[in-house]
Amino acid sequence: MKSKVVNLAMAAALAATLVLGVVGCSQWHGDNANAPQISVHTQHNTVQVGETVWVHAATMNLTNSSIHWKVTPTTATITPDHSRADQYAKFSASQPGGYVVKAFAKTGHDQWVTSRTSITVVSVGSR
């Protein structure tokens, strides 16, 4: 019985710590609404092998900065659309698996802002 009480106390302490950490992050973002930001979105987070999907990077409070793209693992490709200020890119993968697409841009203060999204690639006919 004593070990159950100790385990419950430890779980409660861990939960309280996690809540404080999340609240701290939320408060930090709310303190500077004018900070440069970037967010990445895609219309479909699950695609088939070989299928192409558009990924979009929306920016806020970020001027005159080009968007750079990266995808991991490298069995996928990400190709920026230069005609649309690199805010859009085409994603495609040759193998099933989980992929992370990252967009990043340099701010006017020589810092970087970044955002990412996950895309799951499944075998043809698996959706």
C-alpha atoms as a PDB file:
ATOM      1  CA  MET A   1       0.000   0.000   0.000  1.00  0.00           C
ATOM      2  CA  LYS A   2       2.844   2.369   0.880  1.00  0.00           C
ATOM      3  CA  SER A   3       4.456   1.929  -2.573  1.00  0.00           C
ATOM      4  CA  LYS A   4       1.144   2.795  -4.290  1.00  0.00           C
ATOM      5  CA  VAL A   5       0.943   6.046  -2.306  1.00  0.00           C
ATOM      6  CA  VAL A   6       4.558   6.892  -3.188  1.00  0.00           C
ATOM      7  CA  ASN A   7       3.920   6.113  -6.879  1.00  0.00           C
ATOM      8  CA  LEU A   8       0.791   8.300  -6.893  1.00  0.00           C
ATOM      9  CA  ALA A   9       2.698  11.144  -5.250  1.00  0.00           C
ATOM     10  CA  MET A  10       5.488  10.870  -7.830  1.00  0.00           C
ATOM     11  CA  ALA A  11       2.970  10.818 -10.693  1.00  0.00           C
ATOM     12  CA  ALA A  12       1.217  13.907  -9.299  1.00  0.00           C
ATOM     13  CA  ALA A  13       4.532  15.755  -8.960  1.00  0.00           C
ATOM     14  CA  LEU A  14       5.481  14.860 -12.552  1.00  0.00           C
ATOM     15  CA  ALA A  15       2.090  15.982 -13.864  1.00  0.00           C
ATOM     16  CA  ALA A  16       2.388  19.304 -12.018  1.00  0.00           C
ATOM     17  CA  THR A  17       5.868  19.848 -13.473  1.00  0.00           C
ATOM     18  CA  LEU A  18       4.641  19.135 -17.008  1.00  0.00           C
ATOM     19  CA  VAL A  19       1.699  21.524 -16.582  1.00  0.00           C
ATOM     20  CA  LEU A  20       4.022  24.281 -15.367  1.00  0.00           C
ATOM     21  CA  GLY A  21       6.345  23.722 -18.326  1.00  0.00           C
ATOM     22  CA  VAL A  22       3.506  23.953 -20.856  1.00  0.00           C
ATOM     23  CA  VAL A  23       2.038  27.053 -19.209  1.00  0.00           C
ATOM     24  CA  GLY A  24       5.492  28.656 -19.232  1.00  0.00           C
ATOM     25  CA  CYS A  25       5.822  28.076 -22.975  1.00  0.00           C
ATOM     26  CA  SER A  26       2.355  29.464 -23.663  1.00  0.00           C
ATOM     27  CA  GLN A  27       3.019  32.588 -21.637  1.00  0.00           C
ATOM     28  CA  TRP A  28       6.298  33.210 -23.436  1.00  0.00           C
ATOM     29  CA  HIS A  29       4.613  33.231 -26.860  1.00  0.00           C
ATOM     30  CA  GLY A  30       1.859  35.548 -25.618  1.00  0.00           C
ATOM     31  CA  ASP A  31       4.321  38.103 -24.242  1.00  0.00           C
ATOM     32  CA  ASN A  32       5.650  39.162 -27.651  1.00  0.00           C
ATOM     33  CA  ALA A  33       2.865  39.156 -30.235  1.00  0.00           C
ATOM     34  CA  ASN A  34       5.092  41.091 -32.651  1.00  0.00           C
ATOM     35  CA  ALA A  35       7.822  38.434 -32.733  1.00  0.00           C
ATOM     36  CA  PRO A  36       8.607  36.920 -36.153  1.00  0.00           C
ATOM     37  CA  GLN A  37       6.830  33.592 -36.621  1.00  0.00           C
ATOM     38  CA  ILE A  38       6.487  30.870 -39.215  1.00  0.00           C
ATOM     39  CA  SER A  39       4.037  27.968 -39.343  1.00  0.00           C
ATOM     40  CA  VAL A  40       3.894  25.011 -41.714  1.00  0.00           C
ATOM     41  CA  HIS A  41       0.685  23.420 -42.966  1.00  0.00           C
ATOM     42  CA  THR A  42      -0.263  20.771 -45.487  1.00  0.00           C
ATOM     43  CA  GLN A  43      -3.658  19.809 -46.794  1.00  0.00           C
ATOM     44  CA  HIS A  44      -2.938  16.087 -46.321  1.00  0.00           C
ATOM     45  CA  ASN A  45      -0.774  14.587 -43.572  1.00  0.00           C
ATOM     46  CA  THR A  46      -1.059  11.093 -45.049  1.00  0.00           C
ATOM     47  CA  VAL A  47      -0.116  10.442 -48.683  1.00  0.00           C
ATOM     48  CA  GLN A  48       0.796   7.467 -50.839  1.00  0.00           C
ATOM     49  CA  VAL A  49       4.276   6.666 -52.123  1.00  0.00           C
ATOM     50  CA  GLY A  50       5.029   8.865 -55.145  1.00  0.00           C
ATOM     51  CA  GLU A  51       2.108  11.222 -54.507  1.00  0.00           C
ATOM     52  CA  THR A  52       2.902  14.943 -54.439  1.00  0.00           C
ATOM     53  CA  VAL A  53       1.402  17.235 -51.824  1.00  0.00           C
ATOM     54  CA  TRP A  54       1.781  20.997 -51.381  1.00  0.00           C
ATOM     55  CA  VAL A  55       3.202  22.286 -48.115  1.00  0.00           C
ATOM     56  CA  HIS A  56       2.675  25.940 -47.142  1.00  0.00           C
ATOM     57  CA  ALA A  57       4.713  28.138 -44.811  1.00  0.00           C
ATOM     58  CA  ALA A  58       2.798  31.124 -43.433  1.00  0.00           C
ATOM     59  CA  THR A  59       4.839  33.926 -41.903  1.00  0.00           C
ATOM     60  CA  MET A  60       3.974  36.673 -39.469  1.00  0.00           C
ATOM     61  CA  ASN A  61       6.074  39.756 -38.664  1.00  0.00           C
ATOM     62  CA  LEU A  62       8.775  38.509 -41.015  1.00  0.00           C
ATOM     63  CA  THR A  63       9.796  40.716 -43.937  1.00  0.00           C
ATOM     64  CA  ASN A  64      12.324  40.319 -46.736  1.00  0.00           C
ATOM     65  CA  SER A  65      13.344  36.853 -45.672  1.00  0.00           C
ATOM     66  CA  SER A  66      13.345  33.833 -47.930  1.00  0.00           C
ATOM     67  CA  ILE A  67      11.980  30.565 -46.640  1.00  0.00           C
ATOM     68  CA  HIS A  68      14.238  27.524 -46.637  1.00  0.00           C
ATOM     69  CA  TRP A  69      12.925  23.964 -46.631  1.00  0.00           C
ATOM     70  CA  LYS A  70      14.269  20.668 -45.342  1.00  0.00           C
ATOM     71  CA  VAL A  71      12.803  17.162 -45.143  1.00  0.00           C
ATOM     72  CA  THR A  72      14.013  14.189 -43.140  1.00  0.00           C
ATOM     73  CA  PRO A  73      14.697  11.416 -43.820  1.00  0.00           C
ATOM     74  CA  THR A  74      16.209  12.160 -47.197  1.00  0.00           C
ATOM     75  CA  THR A  75      14.228   9.479 -49.054  1.00  0.00           C
ATOM     76  CA  ALA A  76      11.721  12.283 -49.686  1.00  0.00           C
ATOM     77  CA  THR A  77      12.057  15.477 -51.686  1.00  0.00           C
ATOM     78  CA  ILE A  78      10.900  18.996 -50.927  1.00  0.00           C
ATOM     79  CA  THR A  79      10.951  21.444 -53.838  1.00  0.00           C
ATOM     80  CA  PRO A  80      10.248  25.145 -53.162  1.00  0.00           C
ATOM     81  CA  ASP A  81       8.047  27.078 -55.591  1.00  0.00           C
ATOM     82  CA  HIS A  82      10.227  30.124 -56.320  1.00  0.00           C
ATOM     83  CA  SER A  83       7.370  31.852 -58.174  1.00  0.00           C
ATOM     84  CA  ARG A  84       5.496  32.134 -54.860  1.00  0.00           C
ATOM     85  CA  ALA A  85       8.345  33.488 -52.701  1.00  0.00           C
ATOM     86  CA  ASP A  86       9.217  29.960 -51.553  1.00  0.00           C
ATOM     87  CA  GLN A  87       6.161  29.949 -49.267  1.00  0.00           C
ATOM     88  CA  TYR A  88       4.937  26.805 -51.027  1.00  0.00           C
ATOM     89  CA  ALA A  89       6.867  23.618 -51.654  1.00  0.00           C
ATOM     90  CA  LYS A  90       6.076  20.226 -53.186  1.00  0.00           C
ATOM     91  CA  PHE A  91       6.648  17.145 -51.026  1.00  0.00           C
ATOM     92  CA  SER A  92       7.002  13.621 -52.393  1.00  0.00           C
ATOM     93  CA  ALA A  93       8.502  10.396 -51.024  1.00  0.00           C
ATOM     94  CA  SER A  94       9.653   7.217 -52.717  1.00  0.00           C
ATOM     95  CA  GLN A  95       9.323   5.011 -49.625  1.00  0.00           C
ATOM     96  CA  PRO A  96       6.676   4.540 -46.932  1.00  0.00           C
ATOM     97  CA  GLY A  97       7.422   6.011 -43.515  1.00  0.00           C
ATOM     98  CA  GLY A  98       7.201   9.080 -41.337  1.00  0.00           C
ATOM     99  CA  TYR A  99       8.699  12.337 -42.590  1.00  0.00           C
ATOM    100  CA  VAL A 100       9.294  15.733 -41.010  1.00  0.00           C
ATOM    101  CA  VAL A 101       9.080  18.823 -43.205  1.00  0.00           C
ATOM    102  CA  LYS A 102      10.733  21.904 -41.761  1.00  0.00           C
ATOM    103  CA  ALA A 103      10.529  25.521 -42.946  1.00  0.00           C
ATOM    104  CA  PHE A 104      12.865  28.161 -41.566  1.00  0.00           C
ATOM    105  CA  ALA A 105      13.704  31.794 -42.233  1.00  0.00           C
ATOM    106  CA  LYS A 106      16.183  34.343 -40.941  1.00  0.00           C
ATOM    107  CA  THR A 107      14.807  37.340 -39.055  1.00  0.00           C
ATOM    108  CA  GLY A 108      16.074  40.898 -39.339  1.00  0.00           C
ATOM    109  CA  HIS A 109      18.074  40.307 -36.140  1.00  0.00           C
ATOM    110  CA  ASP A 110      20.112  37.393 -37.540  1.00  0.00           C
ATOM    111  CA  GLN A 111      18.032  34.829 -35.681  1.00  0.00           C
ATOM    112  CA  TRP A 112      16.097  31.945 -37.188  1.00  0.00           C
ATOM    113  CA  VAL A 113      12.430  31.074 -36.824  1.00  0.00           C
ATOM    114  CA  THR A 114      11.302  27.587 -37.684  1.00  0.00           C
ATOM    115  CA  SER A 115       8.255  25.360 -37.846  1.00  0.00           C
ATOM    116  CA  ARG A 116       7.643  21.784 -38.873  1.00  0.00           C
ATOM    117  CA  THR A 117       4.930  19.331 -39.756  1.00  0.00           C
ATOM    118  CA  SER A 118       4.810  15.557 -40.057  1.00  0.00           C
ATOM    119  CA  ILE A 119       3.690  13.612 -43.105  1.00  0.00           C
ATOM    120  CA  THR A 120       3.033   9.876 -43.151  1.00  0.00           C
ATOM    121  CA  VAL A 121       3.678   8.100 -46.440  1.00  0.00           C
ATOM    122  CA  VAL A 122       1.897   4.779 -46.998  1.00  0.00           C
ATOM    123  CA  SER A 123       2.172   2.146 -49.726  1.00  0.00           C
ATOM    124  CA  VAL A 124       0.003   2.616 -52.792  1.00  0.00           C
ATOM    125  CA  GLY A 125      -3.509   1.382 -52.053  1.00  0.00           C
ATOM    126  CA  SER A 126      -3.081   1.560 -48.256  1.00  0.00           C
ATOM    127  CA  ARG A 127      -5.269   4.583 -47.556  1.00  0.00           C
END
